[in-house]
Amino acid sequence: MSRCDQGYLCAVCGAEVAEITDSELYLAYVLGEVGVDELLNRPDRHLSCAAERAQYIVDPAFAPVVCEGWFDKRTLDASFVAEEERRVTRGWRRLQEVVRRGLPIGEYPL
């Protein structure tokens, strides 16, 4: 995960997104929201800098994130929130798995 010798820079905080397990872009790829050909051209963010998505990751290994404002899941439809929690948590777990298992990038998506 590098552009030259430096990894992706977070579009929010400007720091390097050093691990794909902390990458909103790669989570979107695992979820089928972006194609492999888009990985080098799209901006990335740390999951902690992408609260509107990270709030849906519900796993003991992931520190809960609160998203204030319009996209705060506490203000949204309960059935939508439950589905998003299931979907995004599943994608996040898959992202952890592909790194742990050393799978090729083509096998990342769910």
N, C-alpha and C. Protein backbone atom coordinates (compact mmCIF):
# COMPACT_ATOMS: atom_id res chain seq x y z
N MET A 1 0.82 -1.17 0.00
CA MET A 1 0.00 0.00 0.00
C MET A 1 0.87 1.23 0.00
N SER A 2 1.45 1.54 -1.14
CA SER A 2 2.29 2.72 -1.15
C SER A 2 2.21 3.45 -2.47
N ARG A 3 2.36 4.73 -2.38
CA ARG A 3 2.54 5.58 -3.54
C ARG A 3 3.97 6.04 -3.44
N CYS A 4 4.81 5.50 -4.28
CA CYS A 4 6.26 5.69 -4.19
C CYS A 4 6.72 5.11 -2.87
N ASP A 5 7.44 5.89 -2.07
CA ASP A 5 7.94 5.37 -0.80
C ASP A 5 7.06 5.75 0.38
N GLN A 6 6.02 6.52 0.14
CA GLN A 6 5.13 6.92 1.21
C GLN A 6 3.75 6.35 0.94
N GLY A 7 3.08 5.94 1.99
CA GLY A 7 1.74 5.40 1.85
C GLY A 7 0.73 6.50 1.57
N TYR A 8 -0.51 6.13 1.56
CA TYR A 8 -1.60 7.09 1.35
C TYR A 8 -1.61 8.10 2.50
N LEU A 9 -1.92 9.33 2.17
CA LEU A 9 -2.07 10.36 3.20
C LEU A 9 -3.55 10.54 3.47
N CYS A 10 -3.90 10.66 4.74
CA CYS A 10 -5.28 10.83 5.14
C CYS A 10 -5.79 12.19 4.67
N ALA A 11 -6.92 12.18 4.00
CA ALA A 11 -7.51 13.41 3.48
C ALA A 11 -8.04 14.31 4.60
N VAL A 12 -8.14 13.78 5.81
CA VAL A 12 -8.65 14.58 6.94
C VAL A 12 -7.51 15.13 7.78
N CYS A 13 -6.64 14.26 8.28
CA CYS A 13 -5.59 14.70 9.21
C CYS A 13 -4.24 14.92 8.54
N GLY A 14 -4.06 14.39 7.34
CA GLY A 14 -2.80 14.57 6.61
C GLY A 14 -1.71 13.58 6.96
N ALA A 15 -1.90 12.77 7.99
CA ALA A 15 -0.91 11.77 8.36
C ALA A 15 -1.02 10.55 7.45
N GLU A 16 0.03 9.78 7.41
CA GLU A 16 0.05 8.58 6.58
C GLU A 16 -0.92 7.53 7.10
N VAL A 17 -1.67 6.92 6.19
CA VAL A 17 -2.50 5.76 6.53
C VAL A 17 -1.58 4.56 6.29
N ALA A 18 -0.86 4.21 7.33
CA ALA A 18 0.24 3.25 7.20
C ALA A 18 -0.20 1.80 7.02
N GLU A 19 -1.36 1.46 7.53
CA GLU A 19 -1.83 0.07 7.47
C GLU A 19 -3.18 0.00 6.76
N ILE A 20 -3.34 -0.98 5.88
CA ILE A 20 -4.64 -1.07 5.19
C ILE A 20 -5.75 -1.48 6.15
N THR A 21 -5.39 -2.05 7.29
CA THR A 21 -6.39 -2.40 8.28
C THR A 21 -6.99 -1.16 8.93
N ASP A 22 -6.40 0.00 8.71
CA ASP A 22 -6.90 1.27 9.24
C ASP A 22 -7.36 2.19 8.11
N SER A 23 -7.59 1.63 6.94
CA SER A 23 -7.89 2.40 5.74
C SER A 23 -9.37 2.36 5.37
N GLU A 24 -9.99 3.52 5.31
CA GLU A 24 -11.38 3.57 4.86
C GLU A 24 -11.48 3.18 3.39
N LEU A 25 -10.50 3.55 2.58
CA LEU A 25 -10.50 3.22 1.16
C LEU A 25 -10.48 1.70 0.95
N TYR A 26 -9.61 1.01 1.65
CA TYR A 26 -9.56 -0.44 1.49
C TYR A 26 -10.79 -1.13 2.08
N LEU A 27 -11.38 -0.55 3.12
CA LEU A 27 -12.64 -1.08 3.61
C LEU A 27 -13.71 -0.93 2.54
N ALA A 28 -13.75 0.21 1.87
CA ALA A 28 -14.71 0.42 0.78
C ALA A 28 -14.47 -0.59 -0.35
N TYR A 29 -13.21 -0.92 -0.61
CA TYR A 29 -12.89 -1.91 -1.63
C TYR A 29 -13.41 -3.29 -1.21
N VAL A 30 -13.16 -3.67 0.03
CA VAL A 30 -13.65 -4.95 0.53
C VAL A 30 -15.18 -5.02 0.44
N LEU A 31 -15.84 -3.90 0.70
CA LEU A 31 -17.29 -3.84 0.66
C LEU A 31 -17.85 -3.76 -0.76
N GLY A 32 -16.97 -3.68 -1.75
CA GLY A 32 -17.41 -3.63 -3.14
C GLY A 32 -17.87 -2.25 -3.60
N GLU A 33 -17.50 -1.23 -2.86
CA GLU A 33 -17.92 0.13 -3.19
C GLU A 33 -16.97 0.85 -4.14
N VAL A 34 -15.74 0.38 -4.23
CA VAL A 34 -14.78 0.92 -5.19
C VAL A 34 -14.07 -0.25 -5.85
N GLY A 35 -13.64 -0.05 -7.07
CA GLY A 35 -12.93 -1.10 -7.80
C GLY A 35 -11.44 -1.05 -7.55
N VAL A 36 -10.77 -2.13 -7.85
CA VAL A 36 -9.32 -2.20 -7.64
C VAL A 36 -8.60 -1.12 -8.44
N ASP A 37 -9.15 -0.77 -9.60
CA ASP A 37 -8.52 0.25 -10.44
C ASP A 37 -8.63 1.65 -9.83
N GLU A 38 -9.47 1.83 -8.83
CA GLU A 38 -9.65 3.12 -8.19
C GLU A 38 -8.77 3.32 -6.96
N LEU A 39 -8.13 2.26 -6.48
CA LEU A 39 -7.36 2.33 -5.24
C LEU A 39 -6.21 3.34 -5.30
N LEU A 40 -5.61 3.51 -6.44
CA LEU A 40 -4.48 4.45 -6.54
C LEU A 40 -4.92 5.88 -6.81
N ASN A 41 -6.18 6.08 -7.17
CA ASN A 41 -6.63 7.41 -7.57
C ASN A 41 -7.57 8.09 -6.58
N ARG A 42 -8.05 7.37 -5.60
CA ARG A 42 -9.00 7.94 -4.64
C ARG A 42 -8.27 8.36 -3.37
N PRO A 43 -8.76 9.40 -2.72
CA PRO A 43 -8.17 9.78 -1.43
C PRO A 43 -8.54 8.74 -0.37
N ASP A 44 -7.72 8.66 0.65
CA ASP A 44 -7.95 7.71 1.73
C ASP A 44 -8.11 8.48 3.03
N ARG A 45 -8.63 7.80 4.03
CA ARG A 45 -8.75 8.36 5.37
C ARG A 45 -8.54 7.24 6.38
N HIS A 46 -7.99 7.59 7.53
CA HIS A 46 -7.96 6.63 8.63
C HIS A 46 -9.41 6.34 9.00
N LEU A 47 -9.69 5.15 9.45
CA LEU A 47 -11.04 4.85 9.90
C LEU A 47 -11.46 5.78 11.03
N SER A 48 -10.52 6.12 11.90
CA SER A 48 -10.86 7.03 13.00
C SER A 48 -11.15 8.44 12.51
N CYS A 49 -10.73 8.79 11.32
CA CYS A 49 -11.01 10.10 10.71
C CYS A 49 -12.27 10.05 9.85
N ALA A 50 -12.86 8.88 9.72
CA ALA A 50 -14.07 8.68 8.90
C ALA A 50 -15.20 8.20 9.80
N ALA A 51 -15.57 9.05 10.75
CA ALA A 51 -16.55 8.65 11.77
C ALA A 51 -17.88 8.21 11.18
N GLU A 52 -18.30 8.82 10.06
CA GLU A 52 -19.59 8.46 9.48
C GLU A 52 -19.63 7.00 9.05
N ARG A 53 -18.47 6.39 8.75
CA ARG A 53 -18.43 4.96 8.42
C ARG A 53 -18.01 4.14 9.63
N ALA A 54 -17.00 4.59 10.33
CA ALA A 54 -16.43 3.82 11.44
C ALA A 54 -17.42 3.57 12.56
N GLN A 55 -18.41 4.44 12.72
CA GLN A 55 -19.40 4.25 13.78
C GLN A 55 -20.18 2.94 13.62
N TYR A 56 -20.15 2.38 12.43
CA TYR A 56 -20.88 1.14 12.16
C TYR A 56 -20.04 -0.12 12.42
N ILE A 57 -18.78 0.05 12.78
CA ILE A 57 -17.95 -1.12 13.11
C ILE A 57 -18.20 -1.44 14.58
N VAL A 58 -18.77 -2.62 14.81
CA VAL A 58 -19.09 -3.05 16.17
C VAL A 58 -18.35 -4.35 16.43
N ASP A 59 -17.19 -4.22 17.06
CA ASP A 59 -16.34 -5.36 17.32
C ASP A 59 -15.49 -5.04 18.55
N PRO A 60 -15.29 -6.00 19.45
CA PRO A 60 -14.47 -5.72 20.64
C PRO A 60 -13.05 -5.25 20.31
N ALA A 61 -12.54 -5.61 19.15
CA ALA A 61 -11.18 -5.22 18.77
C ALA A 61 -11.11 -3.83 18.13
N PHE A 62 -12.25 -3.17 17.98
CA PHE A 62 -12.29 -1.84 17.37
C PHE A 62 -12.89 -0.85 18.36
N ALA A 63 -12.14 0.20 18.65
CA ALA A 63 -12.61 1.22 19.58
C ALA A 63 -13.83 1.94 18.98
N PRO A 64 -14.93 1.99 19.71
CA PRO A 64 -16.14 2.64 19.18
C PRO A 64 -15.88 4.08 18.77
N VAL A 65 -16.53 4.49 17.70
CA VAL A 65 -16.41 5.84 17.16
C VAL A 65 -17.81 6.46 17.17
N VAL A 66 -17.88 7.71 17.57
CA VAL A 66 -19.14 8.44 17.57
C VAL A 66 -19.08 9.47 16.45
N CYS A 67 -20.14 9.53 15.70
CA CYS A 67 -20.27 10.49 14.61
C CYS A 67 -21.32 11.52 15.00
N GLU A 68 -20.90 12.72 15.26
CA GLU A 68 -21.84 13.78 15.62
C GLU A 68 -22.44 14.38 14.35
N GLY A 69 -23.65 14.88 14.45
CA GLY A 69 -24.25 15.61 13.33
C GLY A 69 -25.23 14.78 12.52
N TRP A 70 -25.39 15.18 11.27
CA TRP A 70 -26.39 14.60 10.37
C TRP A 70 -26.34 13.09 10.23
N PHE A 71 -25.13 12.52 10.26
CA PHE A 71 -24.97 11.09 9.99
C PHE A 71 -24.82 10.24 11.24
N ASP A 72 -25.07 10.82 12.40
CA ASP A 72 -24.98 10.11 13.67
C ASP A 72 -25.98 8.95 13.65
N LYS A 73 -25.48 7.74 13.78
CA LYS A 73 -26.36 6.57 13.69
C LYS A 73 -27.42 6.54 14.79
N ARG A 74 -27.20 7.25 15.87
CA ARG A 74 -28.18 7.29 16.97
C ARG A 74 -29.45 8.03 16.57
N THR A 75 -29.37 8.77 15.46
CA THR A 75 -30.54 9.53 15.00
C THR A 75 -31.21 8.89 13.78
N LEU A 76 -30.67 7.78 13.33
CA LEU A 76 -31.17 7.14 12.10
C LEU A 76 -32.09 5.97 12.41
N ASP A 77 -32.75 5.49 11.38
CA ASP A 77 -33.67 4.36 11.48
C ASP A 77 -32.93 3.13 12.03
N ALA A 78 -33.51 2.51 13.05
CA ALA A 78 -32.88 1.37 13.72
C ALA A 78 -32.59 0.20 12.78
N SER A 79 -33.49 -0.10 11.85
CA SER A 79 -33.25 -1.23 10.95
C SER A 79 -32.10 -0.90 9.98
N PHE A 80 -32.03 0.34 9.52
CA PHE A 80 -30.90 0.75 8.66
C PHE A 80 -29.59 0.63 9.43
N VAL A 81 -29.57 1.12 10.67
CA VAL A 81 -28.36 1.07 11.49
C VAL A 81 -27.93 -0.38 11.72
N ALA A 82 -28.85 -1.25 12.03
CA ALA A 82 -28.52 -2.67 12.27
C ALA A 82 -27.91 -3.30 11.03
N GLU A 83 -28.47 -3.02 9.87
CA GLU A 83 -27.93 -3.57 8.61
C GLU A 83 -26.54 -3.01 8.31
N GLU A 84 -26.37 -1.72 8.51
CA GLU A 84 -25.05 -1.11 8.27
C GLU A 84 -24.02 -1.65 9.24
N GLU A 85 -24.40 -1.84 10.49
CA GLU A 85 -23.47 -2.41 11.46
C GLU A 85 -23.05 -3.81 11.04
N ARG A 86 -24.00 -4.59 10.59
CA ARG A 86 -23.68 -5.96 10.13
C ARG A 86 -22.75 -5.91 8.92
N ARG A 87 -23.10 -5.10 7.94
CA ARG A 87 -22.34 -5.02 6.68
C ARG A 87 -20.94 -4.45 6.88
N VAL A 88 -20.83 -3.34 7.56
CA VAL A 88 -19.53 -2.67 7.72
C VAL A 88 -18.64 -3.46 8.67
N THR A 89 -19.21 -4.01 9.73
CA THR A 89 -18.42 -4.83 10.65
C THR A 89 -17.89 -6.07 9.92
N ARG A 90 -18.72 -6.68 9.12
CA ARG A 90 -18.29 -7.85 8.34
C ARG A 90 -17.14 -7.47 7.40
N GLY A 91 -17.25 -6.33 6.74
CA GLY A 91 -16.18 -5.86 5.87
C GLY A 91 -14.90 -5.57 6.63
N TRP A 92 -15.01 -4.94 7.79
CA TRP A 92 -13.83 -4.64 8.61
C TRP A 92 -13.15 -5.93 9.06
N ARG A 93 -13.95 -6.90 9.49
CA ARG A 93 -13.37 -8.19 9.89
C ARG A 93 -12.68 -8.87 8.72
N ARG A 94 -13.28 -8.77 7.53
CA ARG A 94 -12.65 -9.35 6.34
C ARG A 94 -11.33 -8.65 6.05
N LEU A 95 -11.27 -7.35 6.19
CA LEU A 95 -10.03 -6.60 5.97
C LEU A 95 -8.94 -7.07 6.92
N GLN A 96 -9.29 -7.31 8.17
CA GLN A 96 -8.31 -7.82 9.13
C GLN A 96 -7.84 -9.22 8.70
N GLU A 97 -8.78 -10.03 8.23
CA GLU A 97 -8.48 -11.40 7.82
C GLU A 97 -7.55 -11.46 6.62
N VAL A 98 -7.81 -10.64 5.60
CA VAL A 98 -7.00 -10.73 4.38
C VAL A 98 -5.56 -10.34 4.65
N VAL A 99 -5.36 -9.39 5.56
CA VAL A 99 -4.00 -8.99 5.93
C VAL A 99 -3.34 -10.11 6.72
N ARG A 100 -4.06 -10.64 7.70
CA ARG A 100 -3.53 -11.71 8.54
C ARG A 100 -3.15 -12.94 7.71
N ARG A 101 -3.98 -13.26 6.71
CA ARG A 101 -3.73 -14.43 5.87
C ARG A 101 -2.83 -14.15 4.69
N GLY A 102 -2.52 -12.89 4.43
CA GLY A 102 -1.66 -12.53 3.31
C GLY A 102 -2.28 -12.81 1.95
N LEU A 103 -3.58 -12.61 1.83
CA LEU A 103 -4.28 -12.89 0.58
C LEU A 103 -3.94 -11.84 -0.48
N PRO A 104 -3.97 -12.24 -1.74
CA PRO A 104 -3.77 -11.26 -2.83
C PRO A 104 -4.94 -10.30 -2.91
N ILE A 105 -4.69 -9.11 -3.41
CA ILE A 105 -5.68 -8.05 -3.41
C ILE A 105 -6.97 -8.41 -4.13
N GLY A 106 -6.89 -9.24 -5.13
CA GLY A 106 -8.09 -9.65 -5.86
C GLY A 106 -9.06 -10.47 -5.03
N GLU A 107 -8.59 -11.02 -3.90
CA GLU A 107 -9.43 -11.83 -3.03
C GLU A 107 -9.98 -11.05 -1.85
N TYR A 108 -9.72 -9.75 -1.77
CA TYR A 108 -10.18 -8.96 -0.63
C TYR A 108 -11.70 -8.81 -0.57
N PRO A 109 -12.37 -8.46 -1.68
CA PRO A 109 -13.81 -8.17 -1.57
C PRO A 109 -14.63 -9.33 -1.01
N LEU A 110 -15.69 -8.95 -0.31
CA LEU A 110 -16.62 -9.95 0.23
C LEU A 110 -17.31 -10.69 -0.89
